[in-house]
């Protein structure tokens, strides 16, 4: 009686929708097959034809079925209750792709699979996705139609409209490495990266370093370190490459754009007879482009020939320089992200909305 009483509070079409979903999830209505026609459904459900049609429309909006010409209403093979959206930059599927984000994508896919979810990828139309309400039209539709159980923003920057829409649809969102507007964020500890990189070279007797900054958070961490007075007699110069410049949307690969910028920068250093003990590069894509430029700039004076790159940049053995890398714990990043997402899906409060993961320096080549 209690269940019957509570069910009466629901609109009739919602009761029909709930029963239809149960039939789909139980396998009574098979994936890839057509559900019964409207005439048969009218006999199954003691409601009006309009109510059944409304229920079928909601079932389509929520991603359980699709209408195909000549076949009818078909049960989708990928059900919305088990799909997690992952929005990533257009560089993710380049060949070769940035190794750090590629590793994250693979880990997220596998860990979601272990939890019984299917990763649904959305590629942004531009690399940085700055000031873009919806960087992918399919994502816009799936968010608004509630086709997803949760959403991971991988490497996005400012996405207030997307996060707001997701919030209105009660869609759990986690920002991974960026996304200031997501309700939960798993970020990179740039303070640790900046301090450890500088200390690493200071311990090796380096006094004059160039820091090629790829993110505002890195620049802030560097400025905070300068303000603290802890640098002593170390000279840390910084160069901020603005990857949101107009030419970054050209048809050239991002690595090639950075390489061109590297040529200009290295030429400037060589012409001014400037020598650095070490170079710290704040991004693996920047690292690859700048290393390519460095090799082609024979008159650059880099005493000690030490470079440290954030990320898993592939460096050929013939590089005549010592290259080290700072690697973030991608497994921990993926695990924290999925745990925060599942907590939201389960309706639990997020105890630590923002967490930062740090990495370690690995010697890549002597």
Protein backbone atom coordinates (compact mmCIF):
# COMPACT_ATOMS: atom_id res chain seq x y z
CA UNK A 1 0.00 0.00 0.00
CA UNK A 2 2.82 2.37 0.88
CA UNK A 3 4.49 1.92 -2.51
CA UNK A 4 1.19 2.33 -4.30
CA UNK A 5 0.50 5.54 -2.42
CA UNK A 6 3.92 7.02 -3.21
CA UNK A 7 3.66 6.03 -6.88
CA UNK A 8 0.45 8.04 -7.24
CA UNK A 9 2.40 11.20 -6.50
CA UNK A 10 4.41 10.70 -9.68
CA UNK A 11 3.05 11.78 -13.07
CA UNK A 12 1.68 8.81 -14.99
CA UNK A 13 4.18 9.24 -17.79
CA UNK A 14 7.03 8.99 -15.25
CA UNK A 15 5.69 5.67 -13.98
CA UNK A 16 5.64 4.43 -17.58
CA UNK A 17 9.20 5.73 -18.19
CA UNK A 18 10.45 3.97 -15.05
CA UNK A 19 8.90 0.66 -16.13
CA UNK A 20 10.33 1.01 -19.65
CA UNK A 21 13.81 1.63 -18.27
CA UNK A 22 13.50 -1.46 -16.06
CA UNK A 23 12.57 -3.54 -19.12
CA UNK A 24 15.62 -2.21 -20.99
CA UNK A 25 18.08 -2.66 -18.14
CA UNK A 26 16.80 -6.15 -17.36
CA UNK A 27 17.31 -7.17 -20.99
CA UNK A 28 13.62 -7.81 -21.69
CA UNK A 29 13.95 -5.19 -24.42
CA UNK A 30 17.29 -6.05 -26.04
CA UNK A 31 19.96 -3.55 -27.06
CA UNK A 32 19.90 -2.81 -30.76
CA UNK A 33 16.34 -4.12 -31.11
CA UNK A 34 13.06 -2.24 -31.51
CA UNK A 35 10.74 -1.84 -28.55
CA UNK A 36 7.05 -2.76 -29.03
CA UNK A 37 5.06 -0.45 -31.29
CA UNK A 38 2.77 2.19 -29.81
CA UNK A 39 -0.35 0.08 -30.42
CA UNK A 40 1.07 -2.76 -28.32
CA UNK A 41 2.34 -0.43 -25.62
CA UNK A 42 -1.13 1.04 -25.22
CA UNK A 43 -2.28 -2.44 -24.18
CA UNK A 44 0.64 -2.86 -21.76
CA UNK A 45 0.12 0.44 -19.93
CA UNK A 46 -3.35 1.53 -18.72
CA UNK A 47 -2.82 5.15 -19.73
CA UNK A 48 -3.71 7.31 -22.71
CA UNK A 49 -1.88 7.16 -26.03
CA UNK A 50 -0.53 10.68 -25.43
CA UNK A 51 0.97 9.55 -22.11
CA UNK A 52 2.72 6.61 -23.75
CA UNK A 53 4.06 8.86 -26.52
CA UNK A 54 5.36 11.33 -23.93
CA UNK A 55 7.09 8.52 -22.05
CA UNK A 56 8.74 7.33 -25.27
CA UNK A 57 9.88 10.87 -26.04
CA UNK A 58 11.49 11.16 -22.57
CA UNK A 59 13.09 7.76 -23.04
CA UNK A 60 14.71 9.09 -26.23
CA UNK A 61 15.77 12.36 -24.59
CA UNK A 62 17.43 10.48 -21.73
CA UNK A 63 19.41 8.36 -24.17
CA UNK A 64 17.83 4.93 -23.75
CA UNK A 65 16.37 4.69 -27.24
CA UNK A 66 16.76 6.28 -30.66
CA UNK A 67 14.23 6.59 -33.46
CA UNK A 68 15.39 5.08 -36.75
CA UNK A 69 13.50 5.51 -40.00
CA UNK A 70 12.04 2.21 -41.16
CA UNK A 71 12.90 0.37 -37.92
CA UNK A 72 11.03 2.20 -35.22
CA UNK A 73 12.24 3.01 -31.72
CA UNK A 74 15.50 1.14 -31.06
CA UNK A 75 17.18 0.43 -27.71
CA UNK A 76 20.61 2.05 -27.74
CA UNK A 77 23.63 -0.22 -27.30
CA UNK A 78 25.23 2.26 -24.88
CA UNK A 79 22.85 3.06 -22.05
CA UNK A 80 23.06 6.51 -20.40
CA UNK A 81 23.13 5.15 -16.88
CA UNK A 82 26.57 3.70 -17.54
CA UNK A 83 28.19 6.44 -19.60
CA UNK A 84 30.72 8.95 -18.28
CA UNK A 85 31.65 11.82 -20.57
CA UNK A 86 35.29 12.88 -20.88
CA UNK A 87 35.97 16.21 -22.57
CA UNK A 88 39.54 16.65 -23.77
CA UNK A 89 41.54 18.92 -26.04
CA UNK A 90 41.85 18.28 -29.75
CA UNK A 91 45.53 17.37 -29.33
CA UNK A 92 44.69 14.19 -27.41
CA UNK A 93 44.27 12.07 -30.53
CA UNK A 94 47.14 13.57 -32.50
CA UNK A 95 49.94 11.29 -33.66
CA UNK A 96 52.03 11.41 -31.61
CA UNK A 97 49.74 12.58 -28.81
CA UNK A 98 50.91 14.34 -25.64
CA UNK A 99 52.04 11.39 -23.52
CA UNK A 100 50.87 12.76 -20.16
CA UNK A 101 47.26 13.31 -21.22
CA UNK A 102 47.21 10.14 -23.33
CA UNK A 103 48.22 8.13 -20.27
CA UNK A 104 45.47 9.83 -18.26
CA UNK A 105 42.87 9.05 -20.92
CA UNK A 106 43.81 5.36 -20.97
CA UNK A 107 43.80 5.11 -17.17
CA UNK A 108 40.42 6.84 -16.90
CA UNK A 109 38.96 4.50 -19.51
CA UNK A 110 40.25 1.37 -17.75
CA UNK A 111 39.31 2.49 -14.22
CA UNK A 112 35.81 3.47 -15.33
CA UNK A 113 35.44 0.09 -16.99
CA UNK A 114 36.41 -1.59 -13.72
CA UNK A 115 33.60 0.35 -12.04
CA UNK A 116 31.11 -0.74 -14.70
CA UNK A 117 31.03 2.52 -16.69
CA UNK A 118 31.74 3.29 -20.33
CA UNK A 119 33.89 6.31 -21.21
CA UNK A 120 32.29 8.55 -23.82
CA UNK A 121 34.88 10.93 -25.33
CA UNK A 122 34.21 14.43 -26.62
CA UNK A 123 36.96 16.29 -28.44
CA UNK A 124 37.04 20.07 -28.17
CA UNK A 125 36.96 22.04 -31.37
CA UNK A 126 39.98 24.08 -30.32
CA UNK A 127 43.04 23.24 -28.26
CA UNK A 128 42.69 25.38 -25.14
CA UNK A 129 38.88 25.70 -25.05
CA UNK A 130 39.07 29.17 -23.50
CA UNK A 131 35.88 31.25 -23.30
CA UNK A 132 33.87 28.66 -25.22
CA UNK A 133 30.40 27.92 -23.82
CA UNK A 134 30.25 24.51 -25.47
CA UNK A 135 33.41 23.27 -27.21
CA UNK A 136 31.60 20.20 -28.58
CA UNK A 137 28.01 20.22 -29.95
CA UNK A 138 27.42 16.54 -29.11
CA UNK A 139 28.38 17.19 -25.50
CA UNK A 140 25.91 20.08 -25.36
CA UNK A 141 23.10 17.78 -26.48
CA UNK A 142 24.06 14.91 -24.18
CA UNK A 143 24.31 17.17 -21.12
CA UNK A 144 20.97 18.81 -21.76
CA UNK A 145 19.25 15.52 -22.50
CA UNK A 146 20.80 13.82 -19.46
CA UNK A 147 22.51 11.12 -21.53
CA UNK A 148 25.48 11.00 -19.17
CA UNK A 149 25.90 9.83 -15.60
CA UNK A 150 28.88 12.11 -14.99
CA UNK A 151 31.42 14.33 -16.75
CA UNK A 152 35.20 14.70 -16.51
CA UNK A 153 36.79 17.86 -17.90
CA UNK A 154 40.35 16.91 -18.84
CA UNK A 155 42.67 19.87 -19.23
CA UNK A 156 39.97 22.49 -19.80
CA UNK A 157 40.37 26.03 -18.55
CA UNK A 158 37.32 28.25 -18.04
CA UNK A 159 34.02 26.47 -18.68
CA UNK A 160 31.41 28.29 -16.53
CA UNK A 161 28.49 27.79 -18.92
CA UNK A 162 29.11 24.06 -19.23
CA UNK A 163 29.46 23.60 -15.46
CA UNK A 164 26.35 25.69 -14.86
CA UNK A 165 24.29 23.61 -17.30
CA UNK A 166 25.60 20.41 -15.73
CA UNK A 167 24.64 21.71 -12.29
CA UNK A 168 21.11 22.50 -13.44
CA UNK A 169 20.80 18.93 -14.72
CA UNK A 170 22.30 17.51 -11.49
CA UNK A 171 25.14 16.09 -13.56
CA UNK A 172 28.26 15.33 -11.47
CA UNK A 173 31.38 17.07 -12.83
CA UNK A 174 35.06 16.77 -11.94
CA UNK A 175 37.74 19.02 -13.42
CA UNK A 176 41.02 17.19 -13.95
CA UNK A 177 44.18 19.38 -14.00
CA UNK A 178 42.22 22.60 -14.64
CA UNK A 179 38.57 23.84 -14.73
CA UNK A 180 38.07 26.42 -12.00
CA UNK A 181 34.27 26.20 -12.17
CA UNK A 182 33.83 22.46 -11.60
CA UNK A 183 32.33 21.48 -8.20
CA UNK A 184 35.24 19.08 -7.66
CA UNK A 185 38.78 19.49 -8.94
CA UNK A 186 41.84 17.25 -9.07
CA UNK A 187 44.75 19.52 -9.90
CA UNK A 188 48.47 19.48 -10.49
CA UNK A 189 50.65 20.80 -7.69
CA UNK A 190 52.58 23.44 -9.62
CA UNK A 191 54.09 24.87 -6.42
CA UNK A 192 55.87 21.57 -5.87
CA UNK A 193 56.97 21.38 -9.51
CA UNK A 194 58.46 24.89 -9.45
CA UNK A 195 60.26 24.48 -6.11
CA UNK A 196 61.55 20.97 -6.82
CA UNK A 197 62.80 21.85 -10.30
CA UNK A 198 64.72 24.89 -9.12
CA UNK A 199 66.11 23.05 -6.08
CA UNK A 200 67.12 20.13 -8.30
CA UNK A 201 69.34 22.35 -10.42
CA UNK A 202 70.55 24.40 -7.45
CA UNK A 203 71.81 21.16 -5.89
CA UNK A 204 73.72 20.53 -9.11
CA UNK A 205 75.46 23.91 -8.82
CA UNK A 206 73.28 25.77 -11.33
CA UNK A 207 72.85 29.46 -10.59
CA UNK A 208 71.41 30.97 -13.75
CA UNK A 209 68.21 29.31 -14.99
CA UNK A 210 65.50 30.00 -17.56
CA UNK A 211 61.95 28.90 -16.66
CA UNK A 212 59.67 28.52 -19.70
CA UNK A 213 56.20 28.89 -18.21
CA UNK A 214 53.18 27.24 -19.82
CA UNK A 215 50.45 28.08 -17.29
CA UNK A 216 49.47 31.04 -15.13
CA UNK A 217 49.58 28.81 -12.03
CA UNK A 218 53.23 28.06 -12.74
CA UNK A 219 53.98 31.77 -13.07
CA UNK A 220 52.18 32.49 -9.79
CA UNK A 221 54.15 29.75 -8.00
CA UNK A 222 57.38 31.20 -9.38
CA UNK A 223 56.43 34.76 -8.31
CA UNK A 224 55.50 33.51 -4.83
CA UNK A 225 58.89 31.81 -4.55
CA UNK A 226 60.65 35.02 -5.58
CA UNK A 227 58.64 37.03 -3.04
CA UNK A 228 59.55 34.61 -0.26
CA UNK A 229 63.22 35.54 -0.55
CA UNK A 230 64.24 31.87 -0.57
CA UNK A 231 66.01 32.00 -3.93
CA UNK A 232 69.12 33.61 -2.47
CA UNK A 233 71.70 34.20 -5.18
CA UNK A 234 69.84 32.09 -7.76
CA UNK A 235 68.84 33.95 -10.92
CA UNK A 236 65.57 32.62 -12.34
CA UNK A 237 64.42 34.21 -15.60
CA UNK A 238 60.99 33.38 -16.95
CA UNK A 239 59.51 33.28 -20.41
CA UNK A 240 55.73 32.86 -20.73
CA UNK A 241 54.58 31.34 -24.00
CA UNK A 242 50.96 32.39 -24.60
CA UNK A 243 49.43 29.31 -26.19
CA UNK A 244 46.12 31.17 -26.57
CA UNK A 245 47.63 33.53 -29.15
CA UNK A 246 45.73 33.75 -32.47
CA UNK A 247 48.26 31.64 -34.36
CA UNK A 248 47.63 28.69 -32.01
CA UNK A 249 44.39 28.01 -33.89
CA UNK A 250 46.15 27.60 -37.24
CA UNK A 251 46.39 24.34 -39.12
CA UNK A 252 49.95 23.79 -37.95
CA UNK A 253 50.48 21.33 -35.12
CA UNK A 254 50.91 22.84 -31.69
CA UNK A 255 54.37 21.29 -31.41
CA UNK A 256 55.44 23.01 -34.65
CA UNK A 257 54.10 26.33 -33.41
CA UNK A 258 56.13 25.99 -30.22
CA UNK A 259 59.18 24.99 -32.25
CA UNK A 260 58.84 28.17 -34.33
CA UNK A 261 58.54 30.21 -31.15
CA UNK A 262 61.58 28.35 -29.82
CA UNK A 263 63.63 29.40 -32.83
CA UNK A 264 62.77 33.06 -32.20
CA UNK A 265 63.52 32.74 -28.50
CA UNK A 266 66.80 30.84 -28.92
CA UNK A 267 67.94 33.27 -31.63
CA UNK A 268 67.30 36.13 -29.22
CA UNK A 269 69.38 34.42 -26.53
CA UNK A 270 72.23 33.71 -28.95
CA UNK A 271 72.28 37.23 -30.36
CA UNK A 272 72.44 38.70 -26.86
CA UNK A 273 75.19 36.29 -25.87
CA UNK A 274 73.10 35.00 -22.95
CA UNK A 275 74.04 31.70 -21.34
CA UNK A 276 71.96 29.71 -18.88
CA UNK A 277 73.04 26.87 -16.61
CA UNK A 278 69.68 25.13 -17.09
CA UNK A 279 66.28 25.42 -18.72
CA UNK A 280 63.05 24.32 -17.05
CA UNK A 281 60.11 23.70 -19.40
CA UNK A 282 56.61 23.62 -17.92
CA UNK A 283 54.86 21.37 -20.42
CA UNK A 284 55.67 18.22 -22.40
CA UNK A 285 54.39 19.67 -25.68
CA UNK A 286 56.47 22.80 -25.14
CA UNK A 287 59.39 20.56 -24.26
CA UNK A 288 59.25 18.66 -27.52
CA UNK A 289 58.96 21.77 -29.67
CA UNK A 290 61.66 23.66 -27.83
CA UNK A 291 64.05 20.72 -27.82
CA UNK A 292 63.61 20.43 -31.59
CA UNK A 293 64.36 24.13 -31.93
CA UNK A 294 67.36 23.88 -29.60
CA UNK A 295 68.98 21.13 -31.68
CA UNK A 296 68.66 23.27 -34.81
CA UNK A 297 70.17 26.37 -33.17
CA UNK A 298 73.87 25.61 -33.24
CA UNK A 299 75.04 28.98 -31.89
CA UNK A 300 73.04 28.80 -28.64
CA UNK A 301 75.30 28.93 -25.59
CA UNK A 302 73.80 26.69 -22.89
CA UNK A 303 76.52 26.03 -20.34
CA UNK A 304 76.11 22.68 -18.60
CA UNK A 305 73.49 21.66 -21.13
CA UNK A 306 70.77 20.67 -18.68
CA UNK A 307 67.04 20.75 -19.45
CA UNK A 308 64.16 19.64 -17.24
CA UNK A 309 60.76 19.06 -18.85
CA UNK A 310 57.41 18.55 -17.14
CA UNK A 311 55.87 15.50 -18.77
CA UNK A 312 56.89 12.35 -20.54
CA UNK A 313 58.59 13.92 -23.55
CA UNK A 314 60.25 11.38 -25.82
CA UNK A 315 63.90 12.34 -26.33
CA UNK A 316 66.01 10.53 -28.97
CA UNK A 317 69.33 9.12 -27.79
CA UNK A 318 71.37 11.38 -30.05
CA UNK A 319 70.30 14.56 -28.22
CA UNK A 320 73.57 16.21 -27.12
CA UNK A 321 72.04 17.48 -23.87
CA UNK A 322 71.09 16.13 -20.46
CA UNK A 323 67.34 15.95 -20.17
CA UNK A 324 65.39 15.24 -17.00
CA UNK A 325 61.66 15.08 -16.53
CA UNK A 326 59.16 15.81 -13.81
CA UNK A 327 56.35 13.25 -13.87
CA UNK A 328 52.99 13.53 -12.11
CA UNK A 329 51.41 10.38 -10.70
CA UNK A 330 48.83 9.73 -13.44
CA UNK A 331 47.40 6.69 -11.64
CA UNK A 332 46.67 8.76 -8.54
CA UNK A 333 45.17 11.54 -10.67
CA UNK A 334 42.81 9.11 -12.39
CA UNK A 335 41.83 7.35 -9.15
CA UNK A 336 41.09 10.59 -7.28
CA UNK A 337 39.06 11.91 -10.22
CA UNK A 338 36.88 8.81 -10.51
CA UNK A 339 36.40 8.57 -6.73
CA UNK A 340 35.17 12.17 -6.61
CA UNK A 341 32.85 11.55 -9.54
CA UNK A 342 31.39 8.34 -8.06
CA UNK A 343 30.85 10.09 -4.73
CA UNK A 344 28.70 12.69 -6.49
CA UNK A 345 26.85 10.01 -8.45
CA UNK A 346 26.08 8.18 -5.19
CA UNK A 347 24.78 11.41 -3.68
CA UNK A 348 27.57 11.72 -1.12
CA UNK A 349 29.11 15.00 -0.05
CA UNK A 350 32.64 15.69 -1.32
CA UNK A 351 34.90 15.95 1.72
CA UNK A 352 37.80 17.49 -0.21
CA UNK A 353 36.42 19.32 -3.28
CA UNK A 354 39.92 20.34 -4.41
CA UNK A 355 42.99 18.10 -4.22
CA UNK A 356 46.41 18.54 -5.78
CA UNK A 357 48.75 15.77 -6.85
CA UNK A 358 52.51 16.22 -7.01
CA UNK A 359 55.13 14.38 -9.02
CA UNK A 360 58.82 13.59 -8.92
CA UNK A 361 61.91 14.27 -11.01
CA UNK A 362 63.21 11.39 -13.12
CA UNK A 363 66.66 11.36 -14.75
CA UNK A 364 66.00 10.67 -18.41
CA UNK A 365 69.45 10.69 -19.98
CA UNK A 366 73.06 11.10 -18.92
